[in-house]
Amino acid sequence: MQRQPQRISITISFQVHEVLLKRSEEEGRSMSNLCAFLLEDSLLHEVAPADSATRFSSR
């Protein structure tokens, strides 16, 4: 059974929004995609190497 992506809502400062918007435009990706990437990347660097391969296999 395949797991579906989940949606969340967050509140961020104006300055963070501007930085994310600029970076997403520079990278040619949506802000949502950039935020998901940054969150996953941050979490992957916190787990043990053995866990990281299976933790976010949909990547």
C-alpha atoms as a PDB file:
ATOM      1  CA  MET A   1       0.000   0.000   0.000  1.00  0.00           C
ATOM      2  CA  GLN A   2       1.488   3.312  -1.090  1.00  0.00           C
ATOM      3  CA  ARG A   3       1.392   6.227   1.322  1.00  0.00           C
ATOM      4  CA  GLN A   4       0.102   9.532   0.024  1.00  0.00           C
ATOM      5  CA  PRO A   5       1.817  12.859   0.751  1.00  0.00           C
ATOM      6  CA  GLN A   6       0.272  14.823   3.612  1.00  0.00           C
ATOM      7  CA  ARG A   7      -0.456  18.558   3.699  1.00  0.00           C
ATOM      8  CA  ILE A   8       0.345  20.908   6.552  1.00  0.00           C
ATOM      9  CA  SER A   9      -0.019  24.631   7.180  1.00  0.00           C
ATOM     10  CA  ILE A  10       2.612  26.727   8.921  1.00  0.00           C
ATOM     11  CA  THR A  11       3.057  30.380   9.795  1.00  0.00           C
ATOM     12  CA  ILE A  12       6.413  31.958   8.958  1.00  0.00           C
ATOM     13  CA  SER A  13       7.797  35.465   9.224  1.00  0.00           C
ATOM     14  CA  PHE A  14       7.689  37.848   6.280  1.00  0.00           C
ATOM     15  CA  GLN A  15      11.488  37.685   6.017  1.00  0.00           C
ATOM     16  CA  VAL A  16      11.552  33.880   5.851  1.00  0.00           C
ATOM     17  CA  HIS A  17       8.793  33.952   3.237  1.00  0.00           C
ATOM     18  CA  GLU A  18      10.803  36.370   1.094  1.00  0.00           C
ATOM     19  CA  VAL A  19      13.947  34.214   1.320  1.00  0.00           C
ATOM     20  CA  LEU A  20      11.996  31.071   0.412  1.00  0.00           C
ATOM     21  CA  LEU A  21      10.250  32.823  -2.467  1.00  0.00           C
ATOM     22  CA  LYS A  22      13.533  34.117  -3.910  1.00  0.00           C
ATOM     23  CA  ARG A  23      15.231  30.727  -3.574  1.00  0.00           C
ATOM     24  CA  SER A  24      12.299  28.848  -5.105  1.00  0.00           C
ATOM     25  CA  GLU A  25      12.334  31.195  -8.098  1.00  0.00           C
ATOM     26  CA  GLU A  26      16.113  30.819  -8.487  1.00  0.00           C
ATOM     27  CA  GLU A  27      15.817  27.023  -8.397  1.00  0.00           C
ATOM     28  CA  GLY A  28      12.753  26.910 -10.668  1.00  0.00           C
ATOM     29  CA  ARG A  29      10.595  25.026  -8.193  1.00  0.00           C
ATOM     30  CA  SER A  30       7.442  25.768  -6.251  1.00  0.00           C
ATOM     31  CA  MET A  31       7.748  27.118  -2.742  1.00  0.00           C
ATOM     32  CA  SER A  32       5.883  24.065  -1.481  1.00  0.00           C
ATOM     33  CA  ASN A  33       8.395  21.755  -3.158  1.00  0.00           C
ATOM     34  CA  LEU A  34      11.326  23.744  -1.785  1.00  0.00           C
ATOM     35  CA  CYS A  35       9.927  23.688   1.760  1.00  0.00           C
ATOM     36  CA  ALA A  36       9.282  19.940   1.583  1.00  0.00           C
ATOM     37  CA  PHE A  37      12.829  19.392   0.307  1.00  0.00           C
ATOM     38  CA  LEU A  38      14.373  21.549   3.043  1.00  0.00           C
ATOM     39  CA  LEU A  39      12.370  19.842   5.797  1.00  0.00           C
ATOM     40  CA  GLU A  40      13.220  16.342   4.565  1.00  0.00           C
ATOM     41  CA  ASP A  41      16.882  17.241   4.095  1.00  0.00           C
ATOM     42  CA  SER A  42      17.071  18.673   7.599  1.00  0.00           C
ATOM     43  CA  LEU A  43      15.432  15.599   9.123  1.00  0.00           C
ATOM     44  CA  LEU A  44      17.616  13.189   7.162  1.00  0.00           C
ATOM     45  CA  HIS A  45      20.730  14.784   8.602  1.00  0.00           C
ATOM     46  CA  GLU A  46      19.424  14.253  12.151  1.00  0.00           C
ATOM     47  CA  VAL A  47      18.882  10.475  11.906  1.00  0.00           C
ATOM     48  CA  ALA A  48      21.473   7.732  12.029  1.00  0.00           C
ATOM     49  CA  PRO A  49      22.853   6.751   8.587  1.00  0.00           C
ATOM     50  CA  ALA A  50      21.224   3.295   8.788  1.00  0.00           C
ATOM     51  CA  ASP A  51      17.797   4.885   9.287  1.00  0.00           C
ATOM     52  CA  SER A  52      18.096   7.564   6.612  1.00  0.00           C
ATOM     53  CA  ALA A  53      17.747   5.194   3.644  1.00  0.00           C
ATOM     54  CA  THR A  54      14.397   3.842   4.789  1.00  0.00           C
ATOM     55  CA  ARG A  55      13.000   6.873   6.587  1.00  0.00           C
ATOM     56  CA  PHE A  56      11.990   8.867   3.482  1.00  0.00           C
ATOM     57  CA  SER A  57      11.976   6.298   0.705  1.00  0.00           C
ATOM     58  CA  SER A  58       9.544   8.332  -1.464  1.00  0.00           C
ATOM     59  CA  ARG A  59      12.201  10.929  -2.114  1.00  0.00           C
END
